[in-house]
Amino acid sequence: MIITDNDFKKTYFMGYSTPDGFTTHLRDDIESGEFTTYIIKGGPGTGKSSLMKKIASSLSDLDEPEIYYCSSDPYSLDAVLFDNLKIIIADGTSPHVIEPTYPGAREILVDLGECWNLESLSSSKSGIIDSTNRNQRYHALAKKYLSAIISVNEDIMSIGDSALDCSKLDAYLERLSTRLFPKKKASESQGRIRFRQMTSFTPVGVMTFTNLFEHLNVYKIEDSSFAVTDKLLKQLARRATDNGYNVLISKNVFMSGSVYQHVIIPEIATAFVSGISDDIANSTKINSMRFYDRDILKDKRKRLEFDEGIIKELIDEMVCALKTAKDIHDELESYYINAMDFQKVNDVCQRLIERIRSDHQD
């Protein structure tokens, strides 16, 4: 499914769940020391997402924002990053808990709990506890399905690894990288890798921000066995950075470790993507089968077909669990919405916008 946002060009997921918990590479930027981070605290439905969207819109004349959506609710914002202003505004509540390391110096807390009616929340105590517990149970169930998906995908990838024709793939990589990444002058520094999550699983299915690939030359990799994709993308990213190009990388959320799914090299307006069924304009297909030993894959055909069938069913069940969790989360939000003074939230938002503008006046 395609997500588009007419207001913002740079849209990503803040992160994604793993069997061991939520992970986000936004922490890399927060902990780099380059940014001032405003950490927003408050319950569900307290206006965190709306506040961030207002700030993104209000400050877009100063810097083009990067917008980070929630994988548990793909139409709700989790963070905004202004790369030139060196400002991050992030939801610091569960599951992506963020706590200040240098409070007031590098990180600033924004507490929307000051804007709610405690008596109203106290009267809804039992409902809040019940909804929270049920929501957590379904997220735990989704993680169990995810763990199974990763295990089966690792089996598929192991078969792919055993069938790789490395010499043929290496020769293709050499030709492609030489053509795409001419080495820059020796005085120029090595390129930088930054991780940006472009695909994630959500309550409405697996989603990709394909708007990121608009106006790019796209190489679309067709590879059901993962091995060619992972080696191809890792080698291309390494060669690009060695030759001085910055690279954006999105990991595969259905694999453990650091298996890559998409790579963008902005300077040459080029992207390499995989696992996307939607049509993408200006795309060139890379058929991974030319880099596999077909006889080895043929010998494992029944096992691969079984694995792929299981994966589809597991993803369907995981999405169903996430949808139920999202429905319960909506119940939970209703308690907080009824207890919020949103005029106070608007006041907090306006003060924050004015503070950032004041700090970045010419």
Protein backbone atom coordinates (compact mmCIF):
# COMPACT_ATOMS: atom_id res chain seq x y z
CA MET A 1 0.00 0.00 0.00
CA ILE A 2 1.27 3.46 -0.89
CA ILE A 3 1.32 6.32 1.61
CA THR A 4 1.56 9.84 0.27
CA ASP A 5 1.61 13.15 2.11
CA ASN A 6 1.13 16.24 -0.02
CA ASP A 7 2.50 18.51 2.71
CA PHE A 8 5.86 16.86 3.28
CA LYS A 9 8.38 15.24 0.95
CA LYS A 10 10.63 13.48 3.46
CA THR A 11 8.43 10.98 5.28
CA TYR A 12 9.64 7.95 7.20
CA PHE A 13 8.62 5.63 10.01
CA MET A 14 10.18 6.48 13.36
CA GLY A 15 11.08 2.81 13.73
CA TYR A 16 9.52 -0.59 14.13
CA SER A 17 8.89 -3.33 16.66
CA THR A 18 11.20 -6.30 16.96
CA PRO A 19 10.75 -9.45 19.08
CA ASP A 20 12.97 -7.70 21.66
CA GLY A 21 11.17 -4.35 21.62
CA PHE A 22 10.92 -1.14 19.63
CA THR A 23 13.95 0.10 17.69
CA THR A 24 14.60 3.47 16.07
CA HIS A 25 17.64 4.99 14.39
CA LEU A 26 16.37 8.43 15.36
CA ARG A 27 18.35 7.81 18.54
CA ASP A 28 21.51 8.01 16.43
CA ASP A 29 20.70 11.63 15.65
CA ILE A 30 19.51 12.42 19.18
CA GLU A 31 22.70 10.99 20.70
CA SER A 32 25.02 12.52 18.08
CA GLY A 33 25.19 15.80 19.99
CA GLU A 34 24.35 17.75 16.83
CA PHE A 35 20.69 18.36 17.69
CA THR A 36 18.58 19.98 20.36
CA THR A 37 15.78 17.51 21.08
CA TYR A 38 12.37 18.45 22.45
CA ILE A 39 10.95 15.32 24.10
CA ILE A 40 7.16 15.34 24.33
CA LYS A 41 5.55 13.46 27.22
CA GLY A 42 1.85 12.77 27.63
CA GLY A 43 -0.71 10.00 27.30
CA PRO A 44 -2.41 8.79 24.12
CA GLY A 45 -4.76 11.34 22.59
CA THR A 46 -3.10 14.30 24.32
CA GLY A 47 -2.26 16.10 21.09
CA LYS A 48 1.39 15.10 20.60
CA SER A 49 0.97 14.27 16.92
CA SER A 50 -1.05 17.41 16.16
CA LEU A 51 1.51 19.55 17.99
CA MET A 52 4.36 18.12 15.92
CA LYS A 53 2.49 18.57 12.65
CA LYS A 54 1.76 22.23 13.49
CA ILE A 55 5.43 22.82 14.29
CA ALA A 56 6.51 21.14 11.06
CA SER A 57 4.16 23.33 9.04
CA SER A 58 4.98 26.53 10.92
CA LEU A 59 8.75 26.16 10.58
CA SER A 60 8.90 24.74 7.06
CA ASP A 61 9.88 28.18 5.74
CA LEU A 62 13.11 27.90 7.76
CA ASP A 63 13.97 24.30 6.95
CA GLU A 64 12.37 21.35 5.15
CA PRO A 65 11.26 18.95 7.89
CA GLU A 66 11.71 15.21 7.97
CA ILE A 67 8.44 13.67 9.18
CA TYR A 68 8.40 10.41 11.13
CA TYR A 69 5.16 8.45 11.40
CA CYS A 70 4.13 5.79 13.90
CA SER A 71 4.16 2.20 12.60
CA SER A 72 1.37 1.33 15.07
CA ASP A 73 -0.74 4.20 13.67
CA PRO A 74 0.66 5.24 10.27
CA TYR A 75 -1.34 8.47 10.15
CA SER A 76 0.00 9.74 13.47
CA LEU A 77 3.33 11.56 13.83
CA ASP A 78 6.05 10.31 16.16
CA ALA A 79 8.80 12.85 15.40
CA VAL A 80 9.92 15.79 13.29
CA LEU A 81 13.56 16.49 12.41
CA PHE A 82 14.95 19.75 11.03
CA ASP A 83 18.41 18.90 9.71
CA ASN A 84 19.59 22.47 9.06
CA LEU A 85 18.10 23.94 12.24
CA LYS A 86 19.46 20.94 14.17
CA ILE A 87 16.15 20.49 15.98
CA ILE A 88 14.27 17.26 16.76
CA ILE A 89 10.78 17.11 18.26
CA ALA A 90 9.94 13.55 19.31
CA ASP A 91 7.25 11.60 21.13
CA GLY A 92 9.12 10.22 24.14
CA THR A 93 6.38 7.89 25.43
CA SER A 94 6.04 4.11 25.16
CA PRO A 95 6.98 2.16 23.11
CA HIS A 96 9.68 4.59 21.94
CA VAL A 97 10.60 5.91 25.37
CA ILE A 98 13.16 8.74 25.20
CA GLU A 99 14.69 10.19 28.33
CA PRO A 100 17.03 13.19 28.47
CA THR A 101 20.74 12.52 28.92
CA TYR A 102 21.60 16.20 29.31
CA PRO A 103 18.32 17.73 30.57
CA GLY A 104 17.87 21.37 29.66
CA ALA A 105 21.19 21.46 27.82
CA ARG A 106 20.72 19.12 24.88
CA GLU A 107 17.24 17.74 25.56
CA ILE A 108 14.20 19.72 26.67
CA LEU A 109 11.08 18.08 28.14
CA VAL A 110 7.64 19.19 26.96
CA ASP A 111 5.02 17.84 29.38
CA LEU A 112 1.49 17.75 27.96
CA GLY A 113 0.38 16.12 31.20
CA GLU A 114 0.06 19.67 32.48
CA CYS A 115 -2.88 20.09 30.10
CA TRP A 116 -5.11 17.27 31.30
CA ASN A 117 -7.81 17.06 33.95
CA LEU A 118 -6.61 14.63 36.61
CA GLU A 119 -10.08 14.23 38.11
CA SER A 120 -11.46 13.11 34.75
CA LEU A 121 -8.65 10.60 34.28
CA SER A 122 -9.04 9.34 37.84
CA SER A 123 -12.73 8.66 37.25
CA SER A 124 -11.76 6.59 34.16
CA LYS A 125 -9.04 4.69 35.99
CA SER A 126 -10.43 1.18 35.49
CA GLY A 127 -11.12 1.75 31.80
CA ILE A 128 -7.62 3.16 31.20
CA ILE A 129 -5.97 0.22 32.95
CA ASP A 130 -8.10 -2.34 31.14
CA SER A 131 -7.52 -0.77 27.70
CA THR A 132 -3.78 -0.43 28.32
CA ASN A 133 -3.42 -4.06 29.37
CA ARG A 134 -5.45 -5.39 26.42
CA ASN A 135 -3.46 -3.23 24.00
CA GLN A 136 -0.19 -4.58 25.37
CA ARG A 137 -1.40 -8.18 25.06
CA TYR A 138 -2.12 -7.78 21.34
CA HIS A 139 1.21 -6.09 20.74
CA ALA A 140 2.87 -9.02 22.52
CA LEU A 141 0.95 -11.41 20.23
CA ALA A 142 2.10 -9.46 17.16
CA LYS A 143 5.70 -9.80 18.35
CA LYS A 144 5.29 -13.57 18.58
CA TYR A 145 4.11 -13.70 14.97
CA LEU A 146 7.00 -11.44 13.99
CA SER A 147 9.50 -13.73 15.68
CA ALA A 148 8.13 -16.65 13.66
CA ILE A 149 8.25 -14.61 10.43
CA ILE A 150 11.90 -13.71 11.02
CA SER A 151 12.77 -17.34 11.74
CA VAL A 152 11.18 -18.57 8.50
CA ASN A 153 12.69 -15.73 6.46
CA GLU A 154 16.12 -16.63 7.81
CA ASP A 155 15.58 -20.15 6.47
CA ILE A 156 14.66 -18.71 3.05
CA MET A 157 17.74 -16.48 3.08
CA SER A 158 20.03 -19.37 4.08
CA ILE A 159 18.87 -21.24 0.98
CA GLY A 160 19.48 -18.12 -1.10
CA ASP A 161 22.99 -17.76 0.34
CA SER A 162 23.79 -21.36 -0.58
CA ALA A 163 22.72 -20.72 -4.18
CA LEU A 164 24.52 -17.38 -4.72
CA ASP A 165 26.73 -17.04 -7.79
CA CYS A 166 29.09 -14.59 -6.10
CA SER A 167 31.45 -14.13 -9.06
CA LYS A 168 28.62 -13.11 -11.38
CA LEU A 169 27.11 -10.78 -8.74
CA ASP A 170 30.51 -9.21 -7.97
CA ALA A 171 31.12 -8.53 -11.67
CA TYR A 172 27.72 -6.86 -11.98
CA LEU A 173 28.37 -4.78 -8.85
CA GLU A 174 31.70 -3.62 -10.24
CA ARG A 175 30.17 -2.48 -13.53
CA LEU A 176 27.18 -0.81 -11.88
CA SER A 177 29.08 1.01 -9.13
CA THR A 178 31.77 2.23 -11.54
CA ARG A 179 29.08 3.74 -13.74
CA LEU A 180 26.96 5.25 -10.95
CA PHE A 181 29.56 6.36 -8.39
CA PRO A 182 32.53 8.02 -10.07
CA LYS A 183 35.10 8.67 -7.37
CA LYS A 184 35.18 12.25 -6.12
CA LYS A 185 38.35 14.26 -5.60
CA ALA A 186 40.68 12.84 -2.96
CA SER A 187 40.23 15.96 -0.84
CA GLU A 188 36.54 15.30 -0.37
CA SER A 189 35.49 13.32 2.70
CA GLN A 190 33.94 9.87 2.77
CA GLY A 191 30.17 9.75 2.39
CA ARG A 192 27.87 9.35 5.37
CA ILE A 193 25.35 6.58 6.04
CA ARG A 194 22.08 7.49 7.74
CA PHE A 195 19.31 5.01 8.49
CA ARG A 196 15.76 6.04 7.63
CA GLN A 197 12.91 3.52 7.91
CA MET A 198 10.95 3.64 4.64
CA THR A 199 8.94 0.42 5.07
CA SER A 200 7.23 -1.06 8.12
CA PHE A 201 4.35 -3.29 9.12
CA THR A 202 1.25 -1.48 10.35
CA PRO A 203 -2.35 -2.23 11.38
CA VAL A 204 -3.36 -1.84 7.71
CA GLY A 205 -0.59 -3.98 6.27
CA VAL A 206 2.99 -3.58 5.12
CA MET A 207 3.46 0.03 4.02
CA THR A 208 6.17 1.92 2.17
CA PHE A 209 6.63 5.66 1.73
CA THR A 210 7.01 5.40 -2.04
CA ASN A 211 6.77 9.18 -2.33
CA LEU A 212 10.46 9.11 -1.34
CA PHE A 213 11.27 7.53 -4.71
CA GLU A 214 9.48 10.11 -6.83
CA HIS A 215 11.76 11.87 -9.31
CA LEU A 216 14.51 9.31 -8.68
CA ASN A 217 15.98 6.72 -10.99
CA VAL A 218 14.81 3.55 -9.30
CA TYR A 219 16.32 0.09 -9.56
CA LYS A 220 13.67 -2.35 -8.41
CA ILE A 221 15.12 -5.65 -7.20
CA GLU A 222 12.94 -8.74 -7.58
CA ASP A 223 14.29 -11.25 -5.08
CA SER A 224 12.19 -13.64 -3.03
CA SER A 225 15.28 -15.23 -1.45
CA PHE A 226 16.80 -12.03 0.04
CA ALA A 227 20.46 -13.03 -0.40
CA VAL A 228 21.15 -11.15 -3.64
CA THR A 229 19.35 -8.06 -2.35
CA ASP A 230 21.27 -7.93 0.90
CA LYS A 231 24.70 -8.35 -0.68
CA LEU A 232 23.87 -6.01 -3.56
CA LEU A 233 22.60 -3.20 -1.33
CA LYS A 234 25.40 -3.49 1.23
CA GLN A 235 28.09 -3.44 -1.44
CA LEU A 236 26.48 -0.52 -3.29
CA ALA A 237 26.15 1.45 -0.06
CA ARG A 238 29.79 0.79 0.83
CA ARG A 239 31.10 1.71 -2.62
CA ALA A 240 28.97 4.86 -2.73
CA THR A 241 30.22 6.10 0.65
CA ASP A 242 33.82 5.15 -0.17
CA ASN A 243 33.55 7.40 -3.21
CA GLY A 244 32.15 10.31 -1.20
CA TYR A 245 28.37 9.96 -1.57
CA ASN A 246 25.88 10.15 1.29
CA VAL A 247 23.50 7.19 1.54
CA LEU A 248 20.10 6.60 3.15
CA ILE A 249 19.41 3.00 4.17
CA SER A 250 16.17 1.29 5.22
CA LYS A 251 16.40 -2.08 6.94
CA ASN A 252 14.17 -5.09 6.32
CA VAL A 253 11.72 -5.23 9.25
CA PHE A 254 11.04 -8.93 8.63
CA MET A 255 14.66 -9.97 9.12
CA SER A 256 16.92 -9.90 12.15
CA GLY A 257 20.19 -8.03 12.27
CA SER A 258 21.08 -5.61 9.52
CA VAL A 259 19.53 -6.91 6.31
CA TYR A 260 18.93 -3.97 3.97
CA GLN A 261 15.72 -3.41 1.98
CA HIS A 262 16.13 0.00 0.32
CA VAL A 263 19.03 2.34 -0.43
CA ILE A 264 18.82 5.93 -1.67
CA ILE A 265 21.78 7.97 -2.94
CA PRO A 266 20.28 11.49 -3.01
CA GLU A 267 23.15 13.27 -4.77
CA ILE A 268 22.73 11.17 -7.92
CA ALA A 269 18.92 10.88 -7.53
CA THR A 270 19.07 7.09 -7.48
CA ALA A 271 17.32 4.47 -5.37
CA PHE A 272 17.55 0.70 -5.06
CA VAL A 273 14.37 -0.84 -3.64
CA SER A 274 13.11 -4.34 -2.93
CA GLY A 275 9.99 -6.09 -1.69
CA ILE A 276 7.61 -3.51 -3.21
CA SER A 277 4.72 -4.76 -5.33
CA ASP A 278 3.47 -1.29 -6.32
CA ASP A 279 4.50 0.16 -9.66
CA ILE A 280 7.17 2.84 -9.38
CA ALA A 281 7.81 5.37 -12.13
CA ASN A 282 11.26 5.50 -13.77
CA SER A 283 12.15 2.06 -12.44
CA THR A 284 14.54 -0.49 -13.91
CA LYS A 285 14.06 -4.08 -12.83
CA ILE A 286 16.94 -6.17 -11.53
CA ASN A 287 16.13 -9.86 -11.88
CA SER A 288 17.94 -11.55 -9.00
CA MET A 289 17.59 -15.03 -10.53
CA ARG A 290 20.53 -14.33 -12.84
CA PHE A 291 22.76 -14.38 -9.74
CA TYR A 292 21.48 -17.67 -8.28
CA ASP A 293 22.26 -21.26 -9.15
CA ARG A 294 18.82 -22.29 -10.40
CA ASP A 295 19.50 -26.00 -9.81
CA ILE A 296 20.09 -25.44 -6.09
CA LEU A 297 16.90 -23.39 -5.76
CA LYS A 298 14.99 -26.02 -7.76
CA ASP A 299 16.11 -28.73 -5.32
CA LYS A 300 14.72 -26.62 -2.46
CA ARG A 301 11.55 -25.56 -4.29
CA LYS A 302 9.06 -27.37 -2.02
CA ARG A 303 10.71 -26.05 1.11
CA LEU A 304 10.74 -22.51 -0.30
CA GLU A 305 7.09 -22.73 -1.34
CA PHE A 306 6.15 -23.97 2.14
CA ASP A 307 8.12 -21.18 3.81
CA GLU A 308 6.60 -18.50 1.58
CA GLY A 309 3.07 -19.76 2.25
CA ILE A 310 3.67 -19.74 6.00
CA ILE A 311 5.07 -16.21 5.81
CA LYS A 312 1.94 -14.90 4.12
CA GLU A 313 -0.32 -16.42 6.78
CA LEU A 314 1.87 -15.17 9.63
CA ILE A 315 1.90 -11.62 8.25
CA ASP A 316 -1.88 -11.68 7.92
CA GLU A 317 -2.23 -12.78 11.54
CA MET A 318 0.29 -10.22 12.77
CA VAL A 319 -1.52 -7.39 10.95
CA CYS A 320 -4.80 -8.58 12.47
CA ALA A 321 -3.25 -8.43 15.96
CA LEU A 322 -1.91 -4.94 15.26
CA LYS A 323 -5.31 -3.79 14.01
CA THR A 324 -6.96 -5.04 17.20
CA ALA A 325 -4.29 -3.28 19.26
CA LYS A 326 -4.93 -0.07 17.30
CA ASP A 327 -8.71 -0.33 17.92
CA ILE A 328 -8.06 -0.72 21.65
CA HIS A 329 -5.61 2.19 21.53
CA ASP A 330 -8.40 4.32 20.05
CA GLU A 331 -10.53 3.43 23.09
CA LEU A 332 -7.66 4.48 25.33
CA GLU A 333 -7.25 7.78 23.49
CA SER A 334 -10.91 8.64 24.08
CA TYR A 335 -10.34 8.78 27.86
CA TYR A 336 -7.49 11.27 27.46
CA ILE A 337 -9.19 13.34 24.77
CA ASN A 338 -12.13 13.91 27.10
CA ALA A 339 -9.73 15.03 29.83
CA MET A 340 -7.60 17.43 27.76
CA ASP A 341 -7.56 21.20 27.63
CA PHE A 342 -6.49 21.56 24.01
CA GLN A 343 -6.26 25.32 24.24
CA LYS A 344 -3.41 24.79 26.70
CA VAL A 345 -1.84 22.36 24.23
CA ASN A 346 -2.09 25.01 21.50
CA ASP A 347 -0.45 27.51 23.84
CA VAL A 348 2.42 25.08 24.50
CA CYS A 349 2.79 24.57 20.76
CA GLN A 350 2.88 28.29 20.01
CA ARG A 351 5.47 28.95 22.72
CA LEU A 352 7.62 26.18 21.33
CA ILE A 353 7.40 27.58 17.78
CA GLU A 354 8.28 31.07 19.03
CA ARG A 355 11.22 29.73 21.03
CA ILE A 356 12.68 27.87 18.06
CA ARG A 357 12.21 30.86 15.78
CA SER A 358 13.82 33.16 18.32
CA ASP A 359 16.81 30.83 18.68
CA HIS A 360 17.32 30.76 14.89
CA GLN A 361 16.82 34.38 13.91
CA ASP A 362 19.22 35.74 11.30
